[in-house]
Amino acid sequence: MLSNKRYDFVIAMGDDTTDDDMFQALPLNAVTVKVGSISEIANYNLPSQTDVLPFLQAIIGRQKGSGINTNSTVKKRLASALDFFKDLLKTK
C-alpha cells in the first residue's frame, strides 16, 4: 500500500517489541507513536494504552480545548479510525 505513495497521512501506533521495525519502514513524514515503553525511533511516546483514544481524539479536535487545526480530510479519516477502535474495544 505504501509503495503506491497514494496517501494523505500515515500514522502508526504500537505497543510491541517489533514496532520499531515498522516505524523504520514508514515514510519519513509518517507520525509514529510508541505506546508503553519508550522508543527512540518513534516520533512520540504514550505512557499507556489508555492514552491512545484521548490522543486520537485530540488529533481530530473532538477534545475540548485541543486547539489542533487539522485538515478536514485527515480529520474525517481519523474520526473513522477512532470509531473503529471504539467499536473494537466494545467487543472485548
PDB file of N, CA and C in Angstrom:
ATOM      1  N   MET A   1       0.819  -1.183   0.000  1.00  0.00           N
ATOM      2  CA  MET A   1       0.000   0.000   0.000  1.00  0.00           C
ATOM      3  C   MET A   1       0.871   1.258   0.000  1.00  0.00           C
ATOM      4  N   LEU A   2       1.924   1.249   0.794  1.00  0.00           N
ATOM      5  CA  LEU A   2       2.800   2.417   0.847  1.00  0.00           C
ATOM      6  C   LEU A   2       3.603   2.593  -0.429  1.00  0.00           C
ATOM      7  N   SER A   3       3.845   1.505  -1.152  1.00  0.00           N
ATOM      8  CA  SER A   3       4.639   1.612  -2.381  1.00  0.00           C
ATOM      9  C   SER A   3       3.923   2.421  -3.453  1.00  0.00           C
ATOM     10  N   ASN A   4       2.593   2.505  -3.382  1.00  0.00           N
ATOM     11  CA  ASN A   4       1.838   3.322  -4.334  1.00  0.00           C
ATOM     12  C   ASN A   4       2.011   4.806  -4.071  1.00  0.00           C
ATOM     13  N   LYS A   5       2.465   5.148  -2.878  1.00  0.00           N
ATOM     14  CA  LYS A   5       2.679   6.540  -2.465  1.00  0.00           C
ATOM     15  C   LYS A   5       1.424   7.386  -2.654  1.00  0.00           C
ATOM     16  N   ARG A   6       0.265   6.782  -2.425  1.00  0.00           N
ATOM     17  CA  ARG A   6      -1.002   7.496  -2.540  1.00  0.00           C
ATOM     18  C   ARG A   6      -1.646   7.572  -1.166  1.00  0.00           C
ATOM     19  N   TYR A   7      -1.137   8.426  -0.355  1.00  0.00           N
ATOM     20  CA  TYR A   7      -1.672   8.581   0.982  1.00  0.00           C
ATOM     21  C   TYR A   7      -1.561  10.047   1.380  1.00  0.00           C
ATOM     22  N   ASP A   8      -2.521  10.481   2.176  1.00  0.00           N
ATOM     23  CA  ASP A   8      -2.519  11.859   2.679  1.00  0.00           C
ATOM     24  C   ASP A   8      -1.802  11.957   4.011  1.00  0.00           C
ATOM     25  N   PHE A   9      -1.901  10.878   4.765  1.00  0.00           N
ATOM     26  CA  PHE A   9      -1.421  10.934   6.138  1.00  0.00           C
ATOM     27  C   PHE A   9      -1.172   9.507   6.598  1.00  0.00           C
ATOM     28  N   VAL A  10      -0.052   9.271   7.256  1.00  0.00           N
ATOM     29  CA  VAL A  10       0.263   7.942   7.790  1.00  0.00           C
ATOM     30  C   VAL A  10       0.544   8.084   9.278  1.00  0.00           C
ATOM     31  N   ILE A  11      -0.205   7.301  10.069  1.00  0.00           N
ATOM     32  CA  ILE A  11       0.050   7.244  11.498  1.00  0.00           C
ATOM     33  C   ILE A  11       0.163   5.771  11.872  1.00  0.00           C
ATOM     34  N   ALA A  12       1.182   5.464  12.646  1.00  0.00           N
ATOM     35  CA  ALA A  12       1.386   4.090  13.113  1.00  0.00           C
ATOM     36  C   ALA A  12       1.590   4.126  14.613  1.00  0.00           C
ATOM     37  N   MET A  13       0.853   3.261  15.297  1.00  0.00           N
ATOM     38  CA  MET A  13       0.948   3.191  16.746  1.00  0.00           C
ATOM     39  C   MET A  13       1.133   1.728  17.133  1.00  0.00           C
ATOM     40  N   GLY A  14       1.940   1.503  18.158  1.00  0.00           N
ATOM     41  CA  GLY A  14       2.113   0.132  18.585  1.00  0.00           C
ATOM     42  C   GLY A  14       2.703   0.024  19.966  1.00  0.00           C
ATOM     43  N   ASP A  15       2.476  -1.144  20.565  1.00  0.00           N
ATOM     44  CA  ASP A  15       2.989  -1.401  21.912  1.00  0.00           C
ATOM     45  C   ASP A  15       3.767  -2.711  21.969  1.00  0.00           C
ATOM     46  N   ASP A  16       4.312  -3.117  20.845  1.00  0.00           N
ATOM     47  CA  ASP A  16       5.013  -4.396  20.751  1.00  0.00           C
ATOM     48  C   ASP A  16       6.507  -4.163  20.527  1.00  0.00           C
ATOM     49  N   THR A  17       7.291  -5.189  20.759  1.00  0.00           N
ATOM     50  CA  THR A  17       8.747  -5.064  20.596  1.00  0.00           C
ATOM     51  C   THR A  17       9.161  -4.898  19.133  1.00  0.00           C
ATOM     52  N   THR A  18       8.320  -5.314  18.196  1.00  0.00           N
ATOM     53  CA  THR A  18       8.676  -5.215  16.777  1.00  0.00           C
ATOM     54  C   THR A  18       8.243  -3.896  16.141  1.00  0.00           C
ATOM     55  N   ASP A  19       7.641  -3.005  16.911  1.00  0.00           N
ATOM     56  CA  ASP A  19       7.136  -1.755  16.342  1.00  0.00           C
ATOM     57  C   ASP A  19       8.225  -0.874  15.751  1.00  0.00           C
ATOM     58  N   ASP A  20       9.401  -0.871  16.345  1.00  0.00           N
ATOM     59  CA  ASP A  20      10.478  -0.041  15.803  1.00  0.00           C
ATOM     60  C   ASP A  20      10.807  -0.432  14.363  1.00  0.00           C
ATOM     61  N   ASP A  21      10.715  -1.716  14.034  1.00  0.00           N
ATOM     62  CA  ASP A  21      10.922  -2.152  12.647  1.00  0.00           C
ATOM     63  C   ASP A  21       9.868  -1.532  11.730  1.00  0.00           C
ATOM     64  N   MET A  22       8.620  -1.520  12.193  1.00  0.00           N
ATOM     65  CA  MET A  22       7.542  -0.921  11.413  1.00  0.00           C
ATOM     66  C   MET A  22       7.780   0.577  11.245  1.00  0.00           C
ATOM     67  N   PHE A  23       8.146   1.248  12.331  1.00  0.00           N
ATOM     68  CA  PHE A  23       8.366   2.690  12.269  1.00  0.00           C
ATOM     69  C   PHE A  23       9.462   3.038  11.256  1.00  0.00           C
ATOM     70  N   GLN A  24      10.513   2.243  11.226  1.00  0.00           N
ATOM     71  CA  GLN A  24      11.623   2.498  10.306  1.00  0.00           C
ATOM     72  C   GLN A  24      11.231   2.259   8.859  1.00  0.00           C
ATOM     73  N   ALA A  25      10.258   1.387   8.595  1.00  0.00           N
ATOM     74  CA  ALA A  25       9.835   1.071   7.231  1.00  0.00           C
ATOM     75  C   ALA A  25       8.899   2.129   6.651  1.00  0.00           C
ATOM     76  N   LEU A  26       8.384   2.998   7.485  1.00  0.00           N
ATOM     77  CA  LEU A  26       7.422   4.001   7.040  1.00  0.00           C
ATOM     78  C   LEU A  26       8.129   5.225   6.447  1.00  0.00           C
ATOM     79  N   PRO A  27       7.392   6.015   5.641  1.00  0.00           N
ATOM     80  CA  PRO A  27       7.978   7.253   5.100  1.00  0.00           C
ATOM     81  C   PRO A  27       8.417   8.185   6.237  1.00  0.00           C
ATOM     82  N   LEU A  28       9.368   9.035   5.954  1.00  0.00           N
ATOM     83  CA  LEU A  28       9.905   9.942   6.979  1.00  0.00           C
ATOM     84  C   LEU A  28       8.856  10.887   7.550  1.00  0.00           C
ATOM     85  N   ASN A  29       7.823  11.205   6.757  1.00  0.00           N
ATOM     86  CA  ASN A  29       6.804  12.137   7.245  1.00  0.00           C
ATOM     87  C   ASN A  29       5.665  11.437   7.992  1.00  0.00           C
ATOM     88  N   ALA A  30       5.774  10.136   8.210  1.00  0.00           N
ATOM     89  CA  ALA A  30       4.758   9.404   8.971  1.00  0.00           C
ATOM     90  C   ALA A  30       4.829   9.797  10.441  1.00  0.00           C
ATOM     91  N   VAL A  31       3.691   9.778  11.096  1.00  0.00           N
ATOM     92  CA  VAL A  31       3.624  10.016  12.527  1.00  0.00           C
ATOM     93  C   VAL A  31       3.680   8.658  13.206  1.00  0.00           C
ATOM     94  N   THR A  32       4.674   8.464  14.048  1.00  0.00           N
ATOM     95  CA  THR A  32       4.844   7.180  14.714  1.00  0.00           C
ATOM     96  C   THR A  32       4.735   7.371  16.228  1.00  0.00           C
ATOM     97  N   VAL A  33       4.003   6.459  16.859  1.00  0.00           N
ATOM     98  CA  VAL A  33       3.731   6.574  18.284  1.00  0.00           C
ATOM     99  C   VAL A  33       3.969   5.224  18.950  1.00  0.00           C
ATOM    100  N   LYS A  34       4.867   5.199  19.907  1.00  0.00           N
ATOM    101  CA  LYS A  34       5.122   4.001  20.699  1.00  0.00           C
ATOM    102  C   LYS A  34       4.302   4.095  21.978  1.00  0.00           C
ATOM    103  N   VAL A  35       3.580   3.042  22.273  1.00  0.00           N
ATOM    104  CA  VAL A  35       2.720   3.003  23.450  1.00  0.00           C
ATOM    105  C   VAL A  35       3.362   2.101  24.499  1.00  0.00           C
ATOM    106  N   GLY A  36       3.458   2.593  25.717  1.00  0.00           N
ATOM    107  CA  GLY A  36       4.050   1.802  26.796  1.00  0.00           C
ATOM    108  C   GLY A  36       5.504   2.152  26.986  1.00  0.00           C
ATOM    109  N   SER A  37       6.377   1.310  26.482  1.00  0.00           N
ATOM    110  CA  SER A  37       7.811   1.555  26.632  1.00  0.00           C
ATOM    111  C   SER A  37       8.263   2.704  25.728  1.00  0.00           C
ATOM    112  N   ILE A  38       9.420   3.250  26.025  1.00  0.00           N
ATOM    113  CA  ILE A  38       9.980   4.367  25.264  1.00  0.00           C
ATOM    114  C   ILE A  38      10.691   3.843  24.026  1.00  0.00           C
ATOM    115  N   SER A  39      10.496   4.549  22.911  1.00  0.00           N
ATOM    116  CA  SER A  39      11.190   4.223  21.668  1.00  0.00           C
ATOM    117  C   SER A  39      11.939   5.454  21.200  1.00  0.00           C
ATOM    118  N   GLU A  40      13.201   5.287  20.883  1.00  0.00           N
ATOM    119  CA  GLU A  40      13.984   6.401  20.344  1.00  0.00           C
ATOM    120  C   GLU A  40      13.697   6.615  18.867  1.00  0.00           C
ATOM    121  N   ILE A  41      13.055   5.648  18.223  1.00  0.00           N
ATOM    122  CA  ILE A  41      12.753   5.741  16.796  1.00  0.00           C
ATOM    123  C   ILE A  41      11.416   6.432  16.558  1.00  0.00           C
ATOM    124  N   ALA A  42      10.436   6.196  17.424  1.00  0.00           N
ATOM    125  CA  ALA A  42       9.106   6.781  17.267  1.00  0.00           C
ATOM    126  C   ALA A  42       9.155   8.288  17.477  1.00  0.00           C
ATOM    127  N   ASN A  43       8.256   8.998  16.765  1.00  0.00           N
ATOM    128  CA  ASN A  43       8.148  10.449  16.937  1.00  0.00           C
ATOM    129  C   ASN A  43       7.599  10.811  18.315  1.00  0.00           C
ATOM    130  N   TYR A  44       6.678   9.980  18.799  1.00  0.00           N
ATOM    131  CA  TYR A  44       6.012  10.260  20.059  1.00  0.00           C
ATOM    132  C   TYR A  44       5.934   8.990  20.896  1.00  0.00           C
ATOM    133  N   ASN A  45       5.823   9.179  22.203  1.00  0.00           N
ATOM    134  CA  ASN A  45       5.649   8.064  23.128  1.00  0.00           C
ATOM    135  C   ASN A  45       4.453   8.365  24.015  1.00  0.00           C
ATOM    136  N   LEU A  46       3.561   7.381  24.154  1.00  0.00           N
ATOM    137  CA  LEU A  46       2.438   7.489  25.075  1.00  0.00           C
ATOM    138  C   LEU A  46       2.685   6.524  26.226  1.00  0.00           C
ATOM    139  N   PRO A  47       2.425   6.949  27.456  1.00  0.00           N
ATOM    140  CA  PRO A  47       2.742   6.101  28.603  1.00  0.00           C
ATOM    141  C   PRO A  47       1.960   4.789  28.661  1.00  0.00           C
ATOM    142  N   SER A  48       0.670   4.813  28.251  1.00  0.00           N
ATOM    143  CA  SER A  48      -0.124   3.591  28.367  1.00  0.00           C
ATOM    144  C   SER A  48      -1.182   3.514  27.279  1.00  0.00           C
ATOM    145  N   GLN A  49      -1.780   2.345  27.153  1.00  0.00           N
ATOM    146  CA  GLN A  49      -2.816   2.129  26.141  1.00  0.00           C
ATOM    147  C   GLN A  49      -4.041   2.999  26.395  1.00  0.00           C
ATOM    148  N   THR A  50      -4.293   3.346  27.635  1.00  0.00           N
ATOM    149  CA  THR A  50      -5.455   4.194  27.942  1.00  0.00           C
ATOM    150  C   THR A  50      -5.283   5.617  27.418  1.00  0.00           C
ATOM    151  N   ASP A  51      -4.078   5.983  27.026  1.00  0.00           N
ATOM    152  CA  ASP A  51      -3.821   7.316  26.476  1.00  0.00           C
ATOM    153  C   ASP A  51      -4.070   7.391  24.966  1.00  0.00           C
ATOM    154  N   VAL A  52      -4.268   6.250  24.312  1.00  0.00           N
ATOM    155  CA  VAL A  52      -4.383   6.225  22.856  1.00  0.00           C
ATOM    156  C   VAL A  52      -5.642   6.932  22.366  1.00  0.00           C
ATOM    157  N   LEU A  53      -6.815   6.573  22.881  1.00  0.00           N
ATOM    158  CA  LEU A  53      -8.050   7.203  22.401  1.00  0.00           C
ATOM    159  C   LEU A  53      -8.081   8.706  22.666  1.00  0.00           C
ATOM    160  N   PRO A  54      -7.702   9.186  23.849  1.00  0.00           N
ATOM    161  CA  PRO A  54      -7.652  10.645  24.039  1.00  0.00           C
ATOM    162  C   PRO A  54      -6.675  11.329  23.074  1.00  0.00           C
ATOM    163  N   PHE A  55      -5.561  10.661  22.772  1.00  0.00           N
ATOM    164  CA  PHE A  55      -4.596  11.208  21.820  1.00  0.00           C
ATOM    165  C   PHE A  55      -5.229  11.346  20.446  1.00  0.00           C
ATOM    166  N   LEU A  56      -5.920  10.301  19.980  1.00  0.00           N
ATOM    167  CA  LEU A  56      -6.579  10.354  18.669  1.00  0.00           C
ATOM    168  C   LEU A  56      -7.697  11.387  18.664  1.00  0.00           C
ATOM    169  N   GLN A  57      -8.428  11.483  19.758  1.00  0.00           N
ATOM    170  CA  GLN A  57      -9.486  12.489  19.853  1.00  0.00           C
ATOM    171  C   GLN A  57      -8.914  13.899  19.769  1.00  0.00           C
ATOM    172  N   ALA A  58      -7.781  14.120  20.381  1.00  0.00           N
ATOM    173  CA  ALA A  58      -7.138  15.440  20.326  1.00  0.00           C
ATOM    174  C   ALA A  58      -6.708  15.769  18.903  1.00  0.00           C
ATOM    175  N   ILE A  59      -6.222  14.760  18.179  1.00  0.00           N
ATOM    176  CA  ILE A  59      -5.791  14.996  16.796  1.00  0.00           C
ATOM    177  C   ILE A  59      -6.955  15.448  15.933  1.00  0.00           C
ATOM    178  N   ILE A  60      -8.108  14.828  16.096  1.00  0.00           N
ATOM    179  CA  ILE A  60      -9.240  15.189  15.242  1.00  0.00           C
ATOM    180  C   ILE A  60     -10.062  16.333  15.817  1.00  0.00           C
ATOM    181  N   GLY A  61      -9.637  16.858  16.964  1.00  0.00           N
ATOM    182  CA  GLY A  61     -10.283  18.041  17.517  1.00  0.00           C
ATOM    183  C   GLY A  61     -11.565  17.765  18.262  1.00  0.00           C
ATOM    184  N   ARG A  62     -11.800  16.521  18.677  1.00  0.00           N
ATOM    185  CA  ARG A  62     -13.006  16.204  19.432  1.00  0.00           C
ATOM    186  C   ARG A  62     -12.857  16.520  20.904  1.00  0.00           C
ATOM    187  N   GLN A  63     -11.661  16.775  21.314  1.00  0.00           N
ATOM    188  CA  GLN A  63     -11.427  17.058  22.722  1.00  0.00           C
ATOM    189  C   GLN A  63     -11.544  18.560  22.942  1.00  0.00           C
ATOM    190  N   LYS A  64     -12.284  18.966  23.940  1.00  0.00           N
ATOM    191  CA  LYS A  64     -12.476  20.388  24.218  1.00  0.00           C
ATOM    192  C   LYS A  64     -11.135  21.057  24.458  1.00  0.00           C
ATOM    193  N   GLY A  65     -10.946  22.196  23.799  1.00  0.00           N
ATOM    194  CA  GLY A  65      -9.740  22.975  24.021  1.00  0.00           C
ATOM    195  C   GLY A  65      -8.485  22.366  23.444  1.00  0.00           C
ATOM    196  N   SER A  66      -8.640  21.451  22.467  1.00  0.00           N
ATOM    197  CA  SER A  66      -7.438  20.810  21.911  1.00  0.00           C
ATOM    198  C   SER A  66      -6.593  21.799  21.121  1.00  0.00           C
ATOM    199  N   GLY A  67      -7.251  22.782  20.475  1.00  0.00           N
ATOM    200  CA  GLY A  67      -6.522  23.796  19.740  1.00  0.00           C
ATOM    201  C   GLY A  67      -5.760  23.280  18.538  1.00  0.00           C
ATOM    202  N   ILE A  68      -6.026  22.055  18.132  1.00  0.00           N
ATOM    203  CA  ILE A  68      -5.322  21.484  16.991  1.00  0.00           C
ATOM    204  C   ILE A  68      -6.140  21.714  15.739  1.00  0.00           C
ATOM    205  N   ASN A  69      -5.516  22.317  14.720  1.00  0.00           N
ATOM    206  CA  ASN A  69      -6.184  22.561  13.460  1.00  0.00           C
ATOM    207  C   ASN A  69      -5.674  21.533  12.449  1.00  0.00           C
ATOM    208  N   THR A  70      -6.523  20.591  12.069  1.00  0.00           N
ATOM    209  CA  THR A  70      -6.130  19.507  11.189  1.00  0.00           C
ATOM    210  C   THR A  70      -6.951  19.581   9.914  1.00  0.00           C
ATOM    211  N   ASN A  71      -6.354  19.233   8.791  1.00  0.00           N
ATOM    212  CA  ASN A  71      -7.029  19.171   7.511  1.00  0.00           C
ATOM    213  C   ASN A  71      -8.313  18.363   7.641  1.00  0.00           C
ATOM    214  N   SER A  72      -9.416  18.824   7.010  1.00  0.00           N
ATOM    215  CA  SER A  72     -10.707  18.160   7.185  1.00  0.00           C
ATOM    216  C   SER A  72     -10.709  16.726   6.657  1.00  0.00           C
ATOM    217  N   THR A  73      -9.981  16.439   5.593  1.00  0.00           N
ATOM    218  CA  THR A  73      -9.910  15.072   5.079  1.00  0.00           C
ATOM    219  C   THR A  73      -9.230  14.169   6.097  1.00  0.00           C
ATOM    220  N   VAL A  74      -8.153  14.638   6.673  1.00  0.00           N
ATOM    221  CA  VAL A  74      -7.444  13.872   7.696  1.00  0.00           C
ATOM    222  C   VAL A  74      -8.354  13.681   8.902  1.00  0.00           C
ATOM    223  N   LYS A  75      -9.078  14.728   9.279  1.00  0.00           N
ATOM    224  CA  LYS A  75      -9.992  14.635  10.411  1.00  0.00           C
ATOM    225  C   LYS A  75     -11.039  13.553  10.182  1.00  0.00           C
ATOM    226  N   LYS A  76     -11.607  13.516   8.980  1.00  0.00           N
ATOM    227  CA  LYS A  76     -12.643  12.524   8.677  1.00  0.00           C
ATOM    228  C   LYS A  76     -12.076  11.115   8.739  1.00  0.00           C
ATOM    229  N   ARG A  77     -10.905  10.928   8.200  1.00  0.00           N
ATOM    230  CA  ARG A  77     -10.298   9.598   8.211  1.00  0.00           C
ATOM    231  C   ARG A  77      -9.926   9.165   9.623  1.00  0.00           C
ATOM    232  N   LEU A  78      -9.384  10.079  10.403  1.00  0.00           N
ATOM    233  CA  LEU A  78      -9.049   9.750  11.781  1.00  0.00           C
ATOM    234  C   LEU A  78     -10.303   9.515  12.618  1.00  0.00           C
ATOM    235  N   ALA A  79     -11.356  10.282  12.351  1.00  0.00           N
ATOM    236  CA  ALA A  79     -12.613  10.070  13.074  1.00  0.00           C
ATOM    237  C   ALA A  79     -13.154   8.682  12.781  1.00  0.00           C
ATOM    238  N   SER A  80     -13.051   8.258  11.531  1.00  0.00           N
ATOM    239  CA  SER A  80     -13.486   6.917  11.160  1.00  0.00           C
ATOM    240  C   SER A  80     -12.653   5.856  11.866  1.00  0.00           C
ATOM    241  N   ALA A  81     -11.346   6.068  11.907  1.00  0.00           N
ATOM    242  CA  ALA A  81     -10.461   5.124  12.602  1.00  0.00           C
ATOM    243  C   ALA A  81     -10.770   5.094  14.093  1.00  0.00           C
ATOM    244  N   LEU A  82     -11.042   6.247  14.662  1.00  0.00           N
ATOM    245  CA  LEU A  82     -11.372   6.327  16.079  1.00  0.00           C
ATOM    246  C   LEU A  82     -12.651   5.555  16.378  1.00  0.00           C
ATOM    247  N   ASP A  83     -13.658   5.723  15.536  1.00  0.00           N
ATOM    248  CA  ASP A  83     -14.908   4.988  15.711  1.00  0.00           C
ATOM    249  C   ASP A  83     -14.671   3.485  15.606  1.00  0.00           C
ATOM    250  N   PHE A  84     -13.828   3.083  14.663  1.00  0.00           N
ATOM    251  CA  PHE A  84     -13.480   1.670  14.519  1.00  0.00           C
ATOM    252  C   PHE A  84     -12.857   1.132  15.803  1.00  0.00           C
ATOM    253  N   PHE A  85     -11.895   1.855  16.363  1.00  0.00           N
ATOM    254  CA  PHE A  85     -11.229   1.413  17.592  1.00  0.00           C
ATOM    255  C   PHE A  85     -12.205   1.352  18.754  1.00  0.00           C
ATOM    256  N   LYS A  86     -13.104   2.306  18.842  1.00  0.00           N
ATOM    257  CA  LYS A  86     -14.087   2.292  19.926  1.00  0.00           C
ATOM    258  C   LYS A  86     -14.970   1.052  19.799  1.00  0.00           C
ATOM    259  N   ASP A  87     -15.428   0.768  18.574  1.00  0.00           N
ATOM    260  CA  ASP A  87     -16.253  -0.429  18.357  1.00  0.00           C
ATOM    261  C   ASP A  87     -15.473  -1.698  18.677  1.00  0.00           C
ATOM    262  N   LEU A  88     -14.215  -1.721  18.321  1.00  0.00           N
ATOM    263  CA  LEU A  88     -13.360  -2.880  18.599  1.00  0.00           C
ATOM    264  C   LEU A  88     -13.223  -3.110  20.103  1.00  0.00           C
ATOM    265  N   LEU A  89     -13.066  -2.024  20.856  1.00  0.00           N
ATOM    266  CA  LEU A  89     -12.936  -2.144  22.297  1.00  0.00           C
ATOM    267  C   LEU A  89     -14.239  -2.610  22.955  1.00  0.00           C
ATOM    268  N   LYS A  90     -15.371  -2.286  22.352  1.00  0.00           N
ATOM    269  CA  LYS A  90     -16.664  -2.697  22.904  1.00  0.00           C
ATOM    270  C   LYS A  90     -16.870  -4.202  22.778  1.00  0.00           C
ATOM    271  N   THR A  91     -16.251  -4.821  21.774  1.00  0.00           N
ATOM    272  CA  THR A  91     -16.458  -6.249  21.537  1.00  0.00           C
ATOM    273  C   THR A  91     -15.665  -7.124  22.481  1.00  0.00           C
ATOM    274  N   LYS A  92     -14.720  -6.554  23.216  1.00  0.00           N
ATOM    275  CA  LYS A  92     -13.893  -7.360  24.128  1.00  0.00           C
ATOM    276  C   LYS A  92     -14.508  -7.463  25.493  1.00  0.00           C
TER     277      LYS A  92
END
